[in-house]
Amino acid sequence: MIQKKICMVGAFATGKTSLVARFVKSIYSDIYHSTVGVKIDKRTIKLGEQELNMILWDIHGEDEFQKVQMSYLRGASGYFLVVDGTRKHTLERALCLQKRVEIAIGKVPFIMVLNKYDLTEDWEIEETMLEELVEKRWLIIKSSAKTGLGVEQAFLNLAEKMLEKQ
């Protein structure tokens, strides 16, 4: 069995914890709990004949008062950049975080997850904002931790990318 560390990175209140809960336990809660430091979960998946133990590091959100500690990312084989589609500034924060993460741990596989797709009537992120990222060959997945849309797909895609990189 292969074991991989995966980090959830993004601005404050983008749904990182909810995405992990949906993936690991198939649950969603409307009650908001701010992550303090890091919360670690795991789930084992099977890709073909390969079993992969995914160790998920749900890192506290970054905002103007608190920066993500890059030391939490040490040893990560991949990460998610989580963006709240209803708050455009979380995309800007994710772009800055991606550069910092790459400096800290190098080029490892990552996926940008546009979360809260169940709230499209409040959506602030337009497709044109993402075109430049798609041209850079970034994988962007629209998700909803609430409905489950795209969650399993995002984690499985990242698992595949990490196993290809071995």
N, C-alpha and C. Protein backbone atom coordinates (compact mmCIF):
# COMPACT_ATOMS: atom_id res chain seq x y z
N MET A 1 0.84 -1.19 0.00
CA MET A 1 0.00 0.00 0.00
C MET A 1 0.89 1.25 0.00
N ILE A 2 0.50 2.20 -0.80
CA ILE A 2 1.22 3.47 -0.88
C ILE A 2 0.50 4.48 0.01
N GLN A 3 1.28 5.32 0.68
CA GLN A 3 0.71 6.36 1.53
C GLN A 3 1.15 7.72 1.01
N LYS A 4 0.20 8.66 0.88
CA LYS A 4 0.50 10.00 0.37
C LYS A 4 -0.14 11.06 1.26
N LYS A 5 0.62 12.10 1.52
CA LYS A 5 0.11 13.25 2.27
C LYS A 5 -0.44 14.26 1.27
N ILE A 6 -1.67 14.73 1.54
CA ILE A 6 -2.34 15.70 0.70
C ILE A 6 -2.80 16.85 1.59
N CYS A 7 -2.53 18.07 1.17
CA CYS A 7 -2.90 19.24 1.96
C CYS A 7 -4.06 20.00 1.31
N MET A 8 -4.93 20.51 2.16
CA MET A 8 -6.03 21.37 1.74
C MET A 8 -5.60 22.80 2.04
N VAL A 9 -5.47 23.62 1.00
CA VAL A 9 -4.96 24.97 1.15
C VAL A 9 -5.96 25.94 0.54
N GLY A 10 -6.16 27.07 1.21
CA GLY A 10 -7.05 28.09 0.67
C GLY A 10 -7.33 29.16 1.70
N ALA A 11 -8.15 30.11 1.29
CA ALA A 11 -8.54 31.19 2.18
C ALA A 11 -9.46 30.66 3.27
N PHE A 12 -9.71 31.50 4.23
CA PHE A 12 -10.61 31.25 5.34
C PHE A 12 -12.02 30.95 4.81
N ALA A 13 -12.68 29.91 5.31
CA ALA A 13 -14.09 29.59 5.03
C ALA A 13 -14.40 29.27 3.56
N THR A 14 -13.49 28.57 2.90
CA THR A 14 -13.75 28.17 1.51
C THR A 14 -14.41 26.80 1.42
N GLY A 15 -14.40 26.05 2.51
CA GLY A 15 -15.03 24.73 2.52
C GLY A 15 -14.04 23.58 2.55
N LYS A 16 -12.81 23.84 2.94
CA LYS A 16 -11.78 22.79 2.98
C LYS A 16 -12.20 21.65 3.90
N THR A 17 -12.63 21.98 5.11
CA THR A 17 -13.05 20.98 6.09
C THR A 17 -14.27 20.21 5.59
N SER A 18 -15.21 20.90 4.98
CA SER A 18 -16.42 20.26 4.46
C SER A 18 -16.10 19.31 3.31
N LEU A 19 -15.14 19.68 2.46
CA LEU A 19 -14.74 18.78 1.37
C LEU A 19 -14.12 17.50 1.92
N VAL A 20 -13.28 17.63 2.94
CA VAL A 20 -12.67 16.45 3.55
C VAL A 20 -13.74 15.58 4.20
N ALA A 21 -14.66 16.20 4.94
CA ALA A 21 -15.73 15.44 5.61
C ALA A 21 -16.60 14.70 4.59
N ARG A 22 -16.89 15.36 3.48
CA ARG A 22 -17.70 14.73 2.43
C ARG A 22 -16.95 13.54 1.83
N PHE A 23 -15.65 13.70 1.59
CA PHE A 23 -14.85 12.64 0.98
C PHE A 23 -14.61 11.47 1.93
N VAL A 24 -14.26 11.78 3.18
CA VAL A 24 -13.88 10.74 4.14
C VAL A 24 -15.10 10.05 4.75
N LYS A 25 -16.11 10.84 5.15
CA LYS A 25 -17.24 10.29 5.91
C LYS A 25 -18.58 10.39 5.19
N SER A 26 -18.58 10.97 3.97
CA SER A 26 -19.82 11.17 3.20
C SER A 26 -20.85 11.98 3.97
N ILE A 27 -20.37 12.98 4.71
CA ILE A 27 -21.30 13.83 5.48
C ILE A 27 -21.06 15.30 5.14
N TYR A 28 -22.08 16.10 5.47
CA TYR A 28 -21.99 17.55 5.32
C TYR A 28 -22.75 18.17 6.49
N SER A 29 -22.20 19.24 7.03
CA SER A 29 -22.87 19.96 8.12
C SER A 29 -22.89 21.44 7.79
N ASP A 30 -24.03 22.07 8.03
CA ASP A 30 -24.15 23.53 7.84
C ASP A 30 -23.48 24.30 8.98
N ILE A 31 -23.10 23.62 10.04
CA ILE A 31 -22.48 24.28 11.18
C ILE A 31 -21.02 24.56 10.84
N TYR A 32 -20.63 25.82 10.94
CA TYR A 32 -19.26 26.19 10.58
C TYR A 32 -18.34 26.08 11.79
N HIS A 33 -17.23 25.37 11.60
CA HIS A 33 -16.19 25.27 12.61
C HIS A 33 -14.89 25.70 11.97
N SER A 34 -14.29 26.74 12.49
CA SER A 34 -13.01 27.21 11.97
C SER A 34 -11.91 26.23 12.38
N THR A 35 -11.07 25.86 11.41
CA THR A 35 -9.95 24.96 11.72
C THR A 35 -8.86 25.76 12.40
N VAL A 36 -8.38 25.22 13.50
CA VAL A 36 -7.26 25.84 14.22
C VAL A 36 -6.04 24.96 13.96
N GLY A 37 -5.04 25.52 13.32
CA GLY A 37 -3.85 24.74 13.00
C GLY A 37 -4.12 23.79 11.85
N VAL A 38 -4.12 22.50 12.14
CA VAL A 38 -4.34 21.49 11.11
C VAL A 38 -5.14 20.34 11.70
N LYS A 39 -6.02 19.76 10.89
CA LYS A 39 -6.81 18.59 11.28
C LYS A 39 -6.46 17.50 10.27
N ILE A 40 -6.16 16.31 10.75
CA ILE A 40 -5.71 15.24 9.87
C ILE A 40 -6.75 14.11 9.82
N ASP A 41 -7.11 13.71 8.60
CA ASP A 41 -8.01 12.60 8.35
C ASP A 41 -7.35 11.67 7.35
N LYS A 42 -7.96 10.49 7.14
CA LYS A 42 -7.41 9.61 6.11
C LYS A 42 -8.52 8.79 5.49
N ARG A 43 -8.25 8.38 4.26
CA ARG A 43 -9.14 7.47 3.56
C ARG A 43 -8.30 6.65 2.59
N THR A 44 -8.58 5.38 2.55
CA THR A 44 -7.88 4.49 1.62
C THR A 44 -8.76 4.28 0.40
N ILE A 45 -8.17 4.45 -0.77
CA ILE A 45 -8.89 4.23 -2.02
C ILE A 45 -8.14 3.19 -2.84
N LYS A 46 -8.82 2.65 -3.82
CA LYS A 46 -8.19 1.69 -4.72
C LYS A 46 -8.27 2.25 -6.13
N LEU A 47 -7.11 2.36 -6.78
CA LEU A 47 -7.03 2.79 -8.18
C LEU A 47 -6.45 1.62 -8.97
N GLY A 48 -7.30 0.94 -9.70
CA GLY A 48 -6.86 -0.27 -10.38
C GLY A 48 -6.48 -1.31 -9.34
N GLU A 49 -5.24 -1.78 -9.42
CA GLU A 49 -4.75 -2.76 -8.45
C GLU A 49 -4.04 -2.09 -7.27
N GLN A 50 -3.86 -0.78 -7.36
CA GLN A 50 -3.07 -0.04 -6.37
C GLN A 50 -3.94 0.50 -5.25
N GLU A 51 -3.57 0.20 -3.99
CA GLU A 51 -4.24 0.81 -2.84
C GLU A 51 -3.45 2.02 -2.41
N LEU A 52 -4.17 3.11 -2.14
CA LEU A 52 -3.54 4.36 -1.76
C LEU A 52 -4.17 4.87 -0.47
N ASN A 53 -3.34 5.04 0.55
CA ASN A 53 -3.78 5.60 1.82
C ASN A 53 -3.56 7.11 1.73
N MET A 54 -4.65 7.86 1.64
CA MET A 54 -4.58 9.32 1.52
C MET A 54 -4.64 9.93 2.91
N ILE A 55 -3.57 10.58 3.32
CA ILE A 55 -3.52 11.29 4.60
C ILE A 55 -3.83 12.76 4.29
N LEU A 56 -4.97 13.23 4.75
CA LEU A 56 -5.49 14.55 4.37
C LEU A 56 -5.23 15.56 5.48
N TRP A 57 -4.43 16.56 5.16
CA TRP A 57 -4.11 17.62 6.10
C TRP A 57 -4.99 18.82 5.77
N ASP A 58 -5.98 19.05 6.61
CA ASP A 58 -6.89 20.18 6.47
C ASP A 58 -6.27 21.35 7.25
N ILE A 59 -5.63 22.24 6.51
CA ILE A 59 -4.88 23.35 7.12
C ILE A 59 -5.80 24.56 7.28
N HIS A 60 -5.63 25.26 8.39
CA HIS A 60 -6.45 26.45 8.65
C HIS A 60 -6.43 27.39 7.45
N GLY A 61 -7.52 28.12 7.28
CA GLY A 61 -7.62 29.06 6.17
C GLY A 61 -6.76 30.29 6.37
N GLU A 62 -6.33 30.85 5.25
CA GLU A 62 -5.51 32.05 5.32
C GLU A 62 -6.41 33.27 5.15
N ASP A 63 -6.13 34.29 5.94
CA ASP A 63 -6.80 35.58 5.78
C ASP A 63 -5.80 36.68 6.11
N GLU A 64 -6.28 37.91 6.23
CA GLU A 64 -5.35 39.02 6.48
C GLU A 64 -4.69 38.95 7.85
N PHE A 65 -5.23 38.16 8.76
CA PHE A 65 -4.68 38.07 10.11
C PHE A 65 -3.78 36.86 10.32
N GLN A 66 -3.96 35.82 9.50
CA GLN A 66 -3.23 34.58 9.73
C GLN A 66 -2.78 33.97 8.40
N LYS A 67 -1.48 33.74 8.28
CA LYS A 67 -0.91 33.12 7.09
C LYS A 67 -0.80 31.61 7.30
N VAL A 68 -0.90 30.86 6.20
CA VAL A 68 -0.70 29.41 6.26
C VAL A 68 0.77 29.15 6.57
N GLN A 69 1.01 28.28 7.54
CA GLN A 69 2.38 27.88 7.89
C GLN A 69 2.88 26.89 6.84
N MET A 70 3.85 27.30 6.07
CA MET A 70 4.36 26.44 5.00
C MET A 70 4.98 25.15 5.55
N SER A 71 5.37 25.15 6.82
CA SER A 71 5.94 23.93 7.40
C SER A 71 4.90 22.79 7.43
N TYR A 72 3.59 23.11 7.46
CA TYR A 72 2.55 22.09 7.43
C TYR A 72 2.59 21.30 6.12
N LEU A 73 3.13 21.91 5.07
CA LEU A 73 3.12 21.29 3.74
C LEU A 73 4.29 20.33 3.52
N ARG A 74 5.27 20.39 4.40
CA ARG A 74 6.45 19.53 4.24
C ARG A 74 6.05 18.07 4.06
N GLY A 75 6.57 17.42 3.04
CA GLY A 75 6.29 16.02 2.81
C GLY A 75 5.02 15.74 2.01
N ALA A 76 4.33 16.81 1.59
CA ALA A 76 3.09 16.61 0.82
C ALA A 76 3.41 16.11 -0.59
N SER A 77 2.61 15.17 -1.05
CA SER A 77 2.74 14.64 -2.41
C SER A 77 1.79 15.35 -3.37
N GLY A 78 0.86 16.12 -2.81
CA GLY A 78 -0.11 16.85 -3.61
C GLY A 78 -0.93 17.75 -2.72
N TYR A 79 -1.70 18.64 -3.36
CA TYR A 79 -2.54 19.54 -2.57
C TYR A 79 -3.71 20.04 -3.40
N PHE A 80 -4.70 20.53 -2.67
CA PHE A 80 -5.85 21.18 -3.28
C PHE A 80 -5.78 22.66 -2.96
N LEU A 81 -6.01 23.49 -3.96
CA LEU A 81 -6.22 24.92 -3.77
C LEU A 81 -7.73 25.09 -3.75
N VAL A 82 -8.30 25.40 -2.60
CA VAL A 82 -9.76 25.47 -2.49
C VAL A 82 -10.20 26.93 -2.56
N VAL A 83 -11.15 27.19 -3.46
CA VAL A 83 -11.67 28.53 -3.71
C VAL A 83 -13.18 28.51 -3.49
N ASP A 84 -13.70 29.54 -2.85
CA ASP A 84 -15.14 29.70 -2.66
C ASP A 84 -15.66 30.52 -3.84
N GLY A 85 -16.43 29.89 -4.71
CA GLY A 85 -16.94 30.56 -5.91
C GLY A 85 -17.81 31.76 -5.63
N THR A 86 -18.31 31.90 -4.40
CA THR A 86 -19.16 33.04 -4.06
C THR A 86 -18.35 34.24 -3.54
N ARG A 87 -17.03 34.04 -3.44
CA ARG A 87 -16.16 35.14 -2.96
C ARG A 87 -14.91 35.21 -3.85
N LYS A 88 -14.92 36.20 -4.75
CA LYS A 88 -13.86 36.34 -5.75
C LYS A 88 -12.48 36.48 -5.12
N HIS A 89 -12.39 37.14 -3.99
CA HIS A 89 -11.07 37.35 -3.37
C HIS A 89 -10.41 36.03 -2.94
N THR A 90 -11.20 34.96 -2.77
CA THR A 90 -10.59 33.68 -2.40
C THR A 90 -9.80 33.08 -3.57
N LEU A 91 -10.16 33.45 -4.80
CA LEU A 91 -9.39 33.03 -5.97
C LEU A 91 -8.04 33.75 -5.97
N GLU A 92 -8.05 35.04 -5.69
CA GLU A 92 -6.80 35.81 -5.63
C GLU A 92 -5.89 35.26 -4.53
N ARG A 93 -6.46 34.93 -3.40
CA ARG A 93 -5.70 34.36 -2.28
C ARG A 93 -5.09 33.01 -2.70
N ALA A 94 -5.88 32.19 -3.40
CA ALA A 94 -5.40 30.88 -3.85
C ALA A 94 -4.23 31.02 -4.82
N LEU A 95 -4.29 32.00 -5.70
CA LEU A 95 -3.19 32.21 -6.66
C LEU A 95 -1.90 32.57 -5.93
N CYS A 96 -2.00 33.40 -4.91
CA CYS A 96 -0.82 33.75 -4.10
C CYS A 96 -0.32 32.53 -3.32
N LEU A 97 -1.24 31.77 -2.75
CA LEU A 97 -0.87 30.58 -2.00
C LEU A 97 -0.17 29.56 -2.88
N GLN A 98 -0.64 29.40 -4.11
CA GLN A 98 -0.03 28.42 -5.01
C GLN A 98 1.44 28.74 -5.23
N LYS A 99 1.76 30.00 -5.41
CA LYS A 99 3.16 30.41 -5.61
C LYS A 99 3.98 30.11 -4.35
N ARG A 100 3.43 30.42 -3.18
CA ARG A 100 4.14 30.17 -1.93
C ARG A 100 4.34 28.68 -1.68
N VAL A 101 3.31 27.88 -1.99
CA VAL A 101 3.42 26.43 -1.80
C VAL A 101 4.50 25.87 -2.71
N GLU A 102 4.52 26.31 -3.96
CA GLU A 102 5.51 25.81 -4.91
C GLU A 102 6.94 26.16 -4.46
N ILE A 103 7.11 27.34 -3.91
CA ILE A 103 8.43 27.72 -3.38
C ILE A 103 8.79 26.82 -2.20
N ALA A 104 7.81 26.52 -1.35
CA ALA A 104 8.07 25.74 -0.13
C ALA A 104 8.34 24.27 -0.40
N ILE A 105 7.56 23.64 -1.31
CA ILE A 105 7.70 22.18 -1.48
C ILE A 105 7.99 21.76 -2.92
N GLY A 106 8.11 22.71 -3.82
CA GLY A 106 8.40 22.37 -5.21
C GLY A 106 7.14 22.08 -6.01
N LYS A 107 7.36 21.62 -7.21
CA LYS A 107 6.22 21.34 -8.11
C LYS A 107 5.69 19.95 -7.82
N VAL A 108 4.59 19.89 -7.10
CA VAL A 108 3.90 18.63 -6.86
C VAL A 108 2.50 18.78 -7.45
N PRO A 109 1.83 17.68 -7.75
CA PRO A 109 0.49 17.76 -8.34
C PRO A 109 -0.49 18.52 -7.43
N PHE A 110 -1.33 19.32 -8.06
CA PHE A 110 -2.39 20.02 -7.32
C PHE A 110 -3.59 20.20 -8.22
N ILE A 111 -4.73 20.42 -7.59
CA ILE A 111 -5.97 20.69 -8.30
C ILE A 111 -6.63 21.89 -7.63
N MET A 112 -7.14 22.81 -8.45
CA MET A 112 -7.93 23.90 -7.90
C MET A 112 -9.38 23.43 -7.84
N VAL A 113 -9.97 23.55 -6.66
CA VAL A 113 -11.36 23.15 -6.46
C VAL A 113 -12.18 24.41 -6.24
N LEU A 114 -13.12 24.67 -7.16
CA LEU A 114 -14.05 25.79 -7.01
C LEU A 114 -15.26 25.26 -6.25
N ASN A 115 -15.30 25.54 -4.97
CA ASN A 115 -16.31 24.97 -4.09
C ASN A 115 -17.54 25.86 -4.00
N LYS A 116 -18.59 25.30 -3.45
CA LYS A 116 -19.89 25.95 -3.21
C LYS A 116 -20.66 26.16 -4.52
N TYR A 117 -20.52 25.19 -5.44
CA TYR A 117 -21.20 25.28 -6.72
C TYR A 117 -22.72 25.17 -6.58
N ASP A 118 -23.19 24.73 -5.41
CA ASP A 118 -24.63 24.70 -5.16
C ASP A 118 -25.19 26.11 -4.98
N LEU A 119 -24.31 27.10 -4.85
CA LEU A 119 -24.74 28.50 -4.66
C LEU A 119 -24.44 29.35 -5.90
N THR A 120 -24.68 28.79 -7.08
CA THR A 120 -24.29 29.49 -8.32
C THR A 120 -25.00 30.83 -8.50
N GLU A 121 -26.17 31.02 -7.87
CA GLU A 121 -26.84 32.32 -7.98
C GLU A 121 -26.03 33.42 -7.30
N ASP A 122 -25.13 33.04 -6.38
CA ASP A 122 -24.26 34.00 -5.69
C ASP A 122 -22.83 33.99 -6.23
N TRP A 123 -22.61 33.28 -7.33
CA TRP A 123 -21.27 33.08 -7.90
C TRP A 123 -20.63 34.40 -8.29
N GLU A 124 -19.38 34.60 -7.91
CA GLU A 124 -18.62 35.82 -8.26
C GLU A 124 -17.48 35.53 -9.24
N ILE A 125 -17.18 34.25 -9.46
CA ILE A 125 -16.04 33.89 -10.31
C ILE A 125 -16.56 33.53 -11.70
N GLU A 126 -16.06 34.27 -12.68
CA GLU A 126 -16.49 34.06 -14.06
C GLU A 126 -15.48 33.17 -14.78
N GLU A 127 -15.97 32.49 -15.81
CA GLU A 127 -15.12 31.59 -16.59
C GLU A 127 -13.90 32.32 -17.14
N THR A 128 -14.06 33.59 -17.52
CA THR A 128 -12.93 34.34 -18.08
C THR A 128 -11.78 34.47 -17.09
N MET A 129 -12.09 34.47 -15.79
CA MET A 129 -11.06 34.56 -14.76
C MET A 129 -10.22 33.28 -14.71
N LEU A 130 -10.78 32.18 -15.18
CA LEU A 130 -10.12 30.88 -15.10
C LEU A 130 -9.38 30.51 -16.39
N GLU A 131 -9.67 31.22 -17.48
CA GLU A 131 -9.10 30.86 -18.78
C GLU A 131 -7.57 30.83 -18.77
N GLU A 132 -6.96 31.82 -18.13
CA GLU A 132 -5.50 31.88 -18.06
C GLU A 132 -4.94 30.66 -17.32
N LEU A 133 -5.64 30.23 -16.28
CA LEU A 133 -5.19 29.07 -15.51
C LEU A 133 -5.32 27.78 -16.33
N VAL A 134 -6.41 27.68 -17.09
CA VAL A 134 -6.61 26.51 -17.94
C VAL A 134 -5.51 26.47 -19.02
N GLU A 135 -5.14 27.64 -19.53
CA GLU A 135 -4.05 27.72 -20.52
C GLU A 135 -2.73 27.24 -19.92
N LYS A 136 -2.54 27.44 -18.62
CA LYS A 136 -1.34 26.96 -17.92
C LYS A 136 -1.44 25.47 -17.60
N ARG A 137 -2.55 24.85 -18.03
CA ARG A 137 -2.81 23.41 -17.84
C ARG A 137 -3.16 23.06 -16.39
N TRP A 138 -3.75 24.02 -15.66
CA TRP A 138 -4.25 23.73 -14.33
C TRP A 138 -5.53 22.93 -14.46
N LEU A 139 -5.70 21.95 -13.59
CA LEU A 139 -6.96 21.22 -13.53
C LEU A 139 -7.85 21.94 -12.51
N ILE A 140 -9.04 22.33 -12.97
CA ILE A 140 -9.99 23.05 -12.12
C ILE A 140 -11.27 22.24 -12.08
N ILE A 141 -11.71 21.92 -10.87
CA ILE A 141 -12.93 21.12 -10.70
C ILE A 141 -13.94 21.91 -9.88
N LYS A 142 -15.15 22.01 -10.41
CA LYS A 142 -16.24 22.67 -9.68
C LYS A 142 -16.85 21.64 -8.74
N SER A 143 -17.05 22.08 -7.50
CA SER A 143 -17.54 21.13 -6.50
C SER A 143 -18.55 21.78 -5.57
N SER A 144 -19.22 20.91 -4.84
CA SER A 144 -20.10 21.34 -3.75
C SER A 144 -19.96 20.29 -2.64
N ALA A 145 -19.38 20.70 -1.54
CA ALA A 145 -19.29 19.78 -0.40
C ALA A 145 -20.69 19.45 0.11
N LYS A 146 -21.61 20.38 -0.08
CA LYS A 146 -22.98 20.18 0.40
C LYS A 146 -23.69 19.07 -0.38
N THR A 147 -23.62 19.12 -1.71
CA THR A 147 -24.32 18.12 -2.54
C THR A 147 -23.44 16.93 -2.90
N GLY A 148 -22.12 17.10 -2.76
CA GLY A 148 -21.19 16.05 -3.14
C GLY A 148 -20.67 16.19 -4.57
N LEU A 149 -21.21 17.14 -5.34
CA LEU A 149 -20.79 17.34 -6.72
C LEU A 149 -19.28 17.54 -6.83
N GLY A 150 -18.62 16.72 -7.62
CA GLY A 150 -17.21 16.90 -7.93
C GLY A 150 -16.23 16.52 -6.84
N VAL A 151 -16.69 16.17 -5.66
CA VAL A 151 -15.78 15.92 -4.54
C VAL A 151 -14.97 14.64 -4.77
N GLU A 152 -15.65 13.54 -5.00
CA GLU A 152 -14.97 12.26 -5.23
C GLU A 152 -14.04 12.39 -6.45
N GLN A 153 -14.55 13.02 -7.51
CA GLN A 153 -13.77 13.21 -8.73
C GLN A 153 -12.47 13.96 -8.45
N ALA A 154 -12.54 15.02 -7.65
CA ALA A 154 -11.34 15.82 -7.34
C ALA A 154 -10.30 14.98 -6.63
N PHE A 155 -10.72 14.24 -5.61
CA PHE A 155 -9.76 13.43 -4.84
C PHE A 155 -9.17 12.30 -5.69
N LEU A 156 -10.00 11.66 -6.50
CA LEU A 156 -9.51 10.58 -7.35
C LEU A 156 -8.55 11.12 -8.42
N ASN A 157 -8.88 12.28 -8.99
CA ASN A 157 -7.98 12.88 -9.99
C ASN A 157 -6.63 13.22 -9.39
N LEU A 158 -6.63 13.77 -8.19
CA LEU A 158 -5.35 14.11 -7.55
C LEU A 158 -4.57 12.83 -7.23
N ALA A 159 -5.26 11.80 -6.78
CA ALA A 159 -4.60 10.52 -6.49
C ALA A 159 -3.92 9.99 -7.75
N GLU A 160 -4.61 10.03 -8.87
CA GLU A 160 -4.03 9.57 -10.14
C GLU A 160 -2.81 10.39 -10.52
N LYS A 161 -2.92 11.71 -10.38
CA LYS A 161 -1.79 12.59 -10.71
C LYS A 161 -0.56 12.28 -9.83
N MET A 162 -0.81 12.02 -8.56
CA MET A 162 0.31 11.72 -7.64
C MET A 162 0.95 10.38 -7.99
N LEU A 163 0.14 9.39 -8.34
CA LEU A 163 0.69 8.08 -8.67
C LEU A 163 1.46 8.10 -9.99
N GLU A 164 1.02 8.94 -10.94
CA GLU A 164 1.75 9.11 -12.20
C GLU A 164 3.14 9.69 -11.96
N LYS A 165 3.23 10.55 -10.97
CA LYS A 165 4.45 11.30 -10.69
C LYS A 165 5.52 10.45 -9.98
N GLN A 166 5.14 9.27 -9.49
CA GLN A 166 6.08 8.42 -8.75
C GLN A 166 7.27 8.01 -9.59
